[in-house]
Protein backbone atom coordinates (compact mmCIF):
# COMPACT_ATOMS: atom_id res chain seq x y z
CA MET A 1 0.00 0.00 0.00
CA LYS A 2 1.33 3.42 -0.96
CA GLU A 3 2.51 5.59 1.94
CA ALA A 4 0.52 8.77 2.54
CA THR A 5 2.22 12.03 1.54
CA PRO A 6 2.88 14.67 4.26
CA LEU A 7 0.20 16.94 2.77
CA LYS A 8 -2.31 14.10 2.75
CA ARG A 9 -1.47 13.28 6.37
CA LEU A 10 -1.93 16.95 7.28
CA ARG A 11 -5.34 17.01 5.64
CA GLN A 12 -6.33 13.89 7.56
CA ILE A 13 -5.15 15.40 10.86
CA VAL A 14 -7.09 18.63 10.23
CA SER A 15 -10.25 16.69 9.29
CA LEU A 16 -9.96 14.42 12.33
CA GLY A 17 -9.32 17.41 14.59
CA ALA A 18 -12.40 19.23 13.28
CA LEU A 19 -14.47 16.03 13.69
CA ALA A 20 -13.20 15.63 17.28
CA LEU A 21 -14.18 19.21 18.11
CA ALA A 22 -17.64 18.63 16.60
CA ILE A 23 -18.11 15.48 18.75
CA VAL A 24 -16.97 17.35 21.89
CA HIS A 25 -19.49 20.11 21.09
CA ILE A 26 -22.29 17.55 20.70
CA ILE A 27 -21.46 15.72 23.94
CA TRP A 28 -20.81 18.86 25.99
CA PRO A 29 -22.82 21.66 24.28
CA LEU A 30 -22.42 23.97 27.30
CA LEU A 31 -18.62 23.75 27.23
CA ALA A 32 -17.40 27.25 26.30
CA ILE A 33 -14.05 28.29 24.82
CA ASP A 34 -13.19 31.91 25.39
CA ALA A 35 -11.74 34.19 22.71
CA VAL A 36 -8.21 34.12 24.17
CA ALA A 37 -8.06 30.32 24.18
CA LEU A 38 -9.44 30.16 20.64
CA ALA A 39 -6.85 32.70 19.43
CA LEU A 40 -4.01 30.72 21.02
CA ILE A 41 -5.27 27.50 19.38
CA VAL A 42 -5.34 29.22 15.97
CA ILE A 43 -1.82 30.64 16.47
CA ALA A 44 -0.57 27.18 17.48
CA ILE A 45 -1.93 25.32 14.44
CA LEU A 46 -1.54 28.02 11.77
CA PRO A 47 2.12 27.22 10.89
CA TRP A 48 1.16 23.58 10.36
CA LEU A 49 -1.75 24.54 8.13
CA ALA A 50 0.31 26.76 5.78
CA PRO A 51 1.03 24.02 3.18
CA LEU A 52 -2.63 23.02 3.17
CA ILE A 53 -3.91 26.59 2.84
CA LYS A 54 -1.47 27.26 0.00
CA SER A 55 -2.83 24.26 -1.90
CA LEU A 56 -6.42 25.54 -1.83
CA GLU A 57 -8.23 27.92 -4.18
CA LEU A 58 -10.76 29.93 -2.21
CA PRO A 59 -13.46 31.61 -4.39
CA GLY A 60 -12.94 35.35 -4.62
CA GLY A 61 -9.97 35.18 -2.22
CA TRP A 62 -6.99 33.43 -3.73
CA LYS A 63 -8.23 33.32 -7.30
CA VAL A 64 -10.19 35.91 -9.28
CA GLU A 65 -12.30 34.09 -11.86
CA PHE A 66 -13.34 35.67 -15.15
CA GLN A 67 -16.90 34.42 -14.63
CA GLU A 68 -17.12 36.35 -11.34
CA LEU A 69 -15.95 39.52 -13.05
CA GLN A 70 -18.46 39.00 -15.85
CA GLN A 71 -21.27 38.44 -13.37
CA ALA A 72 -20.35 41.67 -11.56
CA ALA A 73 -20.36 43.51 -14.90
CA LEU A 74 -23.82 42.16 -15.78
CA ARG A 75 -25.19 43.31 -12.41
CA ALA A 76 -23.59 46.73 -12.91
CA GLU A 77 -25.09 47.00 -16.40
CA SER A 78 -28.54 46.12 -15.08
CA ALA A 79 -28.25 48.73 -12.30
CA GLY A 80 -27.16 51.46 -14.71
CA LEU A 81 -23.62 51.64 -13.35
CA LEU A 82 -22.03 51.22 -16.79
CA SER A 83 -22.21 54.06 -19.27
CA ASP A 84 -22.19 53.54 -23.04
CA ALA A 85 -18.75 52.47 -24.20
CA PRO A 86 -16.44 55.53 -24.29
CA ALA A 87 -15.05 56.54 -27.67
CA GLN A 88 -11.89 54.59 -28.49
CA LYS A 89 -8.65 56.54 -28.50
CA GLU A 90 -5.23 55.71 -29.87
CA ASP A 91 -3.68 56.13 -26.43
CA ALA A 92 -5.12 54.44 -23.37
CA ALA A 93 -7.15 56.86 -21.30
CA PHE A 94 -6.04 55.18 -18.08
CA LEU A 95 -2.76 53.66 -16.97
CA PHE A 96 -4.42 50.37 -16.05
CA GLN A 97 -5.52 49.94 -19.69
CA SER A 98 -1.98 50.29 -21.00
CA ILE A 99 -0.62 47.60 -18.64
CA ALA A 100 -3.58 45.21 -18.74
CA SER A 101 -2.05 42.81 -21.28
CA ARG A 102 1.30 42.68 -19.44
CA ASP A 103 0.08 42.51 -15.85
CA PRO A 104 -3.65 41.76 -15.25
CA ASN A 105 -3.18 41.94 -11.47
CA LEU A 106 -1.69 45.42 -11.64
CA ALA A 107 -4.39 46.52 -14.09
CA LEU A 108 -7.19 45.41 -11.76
CA ALA A 109 -5.42 47.09 -8.83
CA GLY A 110 -5.19 50.28 -10.91
CA LEU A 111 -8.91 50.15 -11.69
CA ARG A 112 -9.65 49.80 -7.99
CA ILE A 113 -7.62 52.96 -7.28
CA GLU A 114 -9.57 54.88 -9.93
CA ILE A 115 -12.88 53.76 -8.37
CA GLU A 116 -11.70 54.85 -4.92
CA LYS A 117 -10.75 58.30 -6.26
CA ARG A 118 -14.26 58.84 -7.61
CA LEU A 119 -16.00 57.63 -4.46
CA SER A 120 -13.82 60.01 -2.46
CA LEU A 121 -14.81 62.85 -4.81
CA LEU A 122 -18.51 62.07 -4.37
CA ILE A 123 -18.10 62.25 -0.60
CA GLU A 124 -16.25 65.57 -0.91
CA ILE A 125 -18.75 67.14 -3.33
CA HIS A 126 -21.69 66.20 -1.11
CA SER A 127 -19.89 67.82 1.86
CA ILE A 128 -19.86 64.62 3.87
CA GLU A 129 -17.48 65.11 6.77
CA LEU A 130 -15.10 62.28 7.62
CA ARG A 131 -13.28 62.28 10.93
CA HIS A 132 -10.56 59.94 9.67
CA LYS A 133 -9.44 58.09 6.58
CA VAL A 134 -11.92 55.38 5.61
CA SER A 135 -11.81 52.29 3.43
CA VAL A 136 -13.66 51.88 0.16
CA GLY A 137 -16.21 49.68 1.91
CA GLN A 138 -16.84 52.41 4.49
CA MET A 139 -17.11 55.02 1.71
CA LEU A 140 -19.79 52.93 0.02
CA ARG A 141 -21.71 52.56 3.27
CA ILE A 142 -21.56 56.32 3.91
CA LEU A 143 -22.69 57.11 0.36
CA THR A 144 -25.61 54.71 0.79
CA GLN A 145 -26.62 56.18 4.15
CA THR A 146 -26.64 59.67 2.62
CA GLU A 147 -28.64 58.35 -0.38
CA VAL A 148 -25.95 59.28 -2.91
CA ILE A 149 -26.02 55.68 -4.17
CA THR A 150 -28.60 52.93 -3.68
CA SER A 151 -28.17 49.77 -1.61
CA GLU A 152 -28.08 47.73 -4.81
CA GLU A 153 -25.33 49.91 -6.27
CA ARG A 154 -23.37 49.62 -3.04
CA SER A 155 -23.63 45.82 -3.13
CA ILE A 156 -22.45 45.65 -6.75
CA LEU A 157 -19.56 48.07 -6.26
CA LEU A 158 -18.49 46.34 -3.04
CA ASP A 159 -18.39 42.92 -4.73
CA MET A 160 -16.40 44.38 -7.60
CA VAL A 161 -13.95 46.21 -5.32
CA ASN A 162 -13.43 43.05 -3.23
CA MET A 163 -12.36 41.14 -6.35
CA LEU A 164 -10.08 43.98 -7.41
CA ASN A 165 -8.60 44.03 -3.90
CA ALA A 166 -7.88 40.30 -4.15
CA ALA A 167 -5.99 40.93 -7.39
CA ALA A 168 -4.06 43.77 -5.76
CA HIS A 169 -2.97 41.40 -2.99
CA GLY A 170 -1.56 38.83 -5.38
CA ALA A 171 -4.50 36.51 -6.02
CA GLU A 172 -4.25 34.43 -9.17
CA VAL A 173 -6.11 36.26 -11.95
CA ASP A 174 -7.71 34.74 -15.03
CA SER A 175 -5.83 35.94 -18.12
CA ARG A 176 -9.11 37.17 -19.64
CA ALA A 177 -9.36 39.69 -16.80
CA ALA A 178 -7.11 41.99 -18.83
CA ASN A 179 -9.78 42.38 -21.53
CA TRP A 180 -12.42 42.81 -18.81
CA ALA A 181 -10.47 45.70 -17.27
CA ILE A 182 -10.03 47.37 -20.67
CA GLU A 183 -13.70 47.01 -21.67
CA ILE A 184 -15.62 47.37 -18.39
CA GLY A 185 -13.31 49.64 -16.39
CA PRO A 186 -13.69 52.79 -18.53
CA ARG A 187 -17.47 52.35 -18.73
CA LEU A 188 -17.77 52.10 -14.94
CA LEU A 189 -15.50 55.10 -14.39
CA ALA A 190 -17.38 57.13 -17.02
CA SER A 191 -20.62 56.41 -15.16
CA LEU A 192 -19.11 57.56 -11.86
CA ASP A 193 -17.65 60.65 -13.57
CA LYS A 194 -21.13 61.50 -14.87
CA ARG A 195 -22.53 61.32 -11.34
CA ILE A 196 -19.76 63.58 -10.09
CA ALA A 197 -20.52 66.13 -12.83
CA GLU A 198 -24.27 65.99 -12.09
CA ALA A 199 -23.65 66.47 -8.37
CA LYS A 200 -21.45 69.50 -9.05
CA GLU A 201 -24.11 70.95 -11.34
CA GLN A 202 -26.89 70.48 -8.76
CA ILE A 203 -24.82 72.10 -6.02
CA ALA A 204 -23.95 75.03 -8.31
CA LYS A 205 -27.64 75.58 -9.11
CA SER A 206 -28.62 75.43 -5.45
CA LYS A 207 -26.18 78.24 -4.69
CA GLN A 208 -27.60 80.56 -7.36
């Protein structure tokens, strides 16, 4: 019989450990583990789990799939978050477009930065005071609370930004993501730019 590989043994140990904890919970449901003990257990086993974690592909975390990007684009299209395709130019309008074919990860990270800039502008234009620097997720929540964007738009943008964040942090990216960034990115940014222009116009009229 073939000897088990170290990775296979590790998987078996993790599975048996999880099963043992489940049995303990069933037998003694009132047995509580405080947060400190749980944290120490995690710290103790994490180094041993590294090879196993590295071998996994977690959806939306370690790998950015083209289908997920396409689904996000379809939702954005349905919600009116994508403008008509901008006129094609000889030179790329954005840096992320020019590097998309060479480095899809960097291109998606660049698109995320462009989205963040526009969300920050919307907050500024609507005179929303921030006490400290906030994340993109917090920006989206604030813009929803102040009715600048809808809950549906927030959900779509948050899903999209999370995937772009994963790419920025080195997740494996489908090679077709480069074309996605080139085609969808400018349409999304053009839509956000239009909202910024409309907000400026409304504020200017209100001051007249």
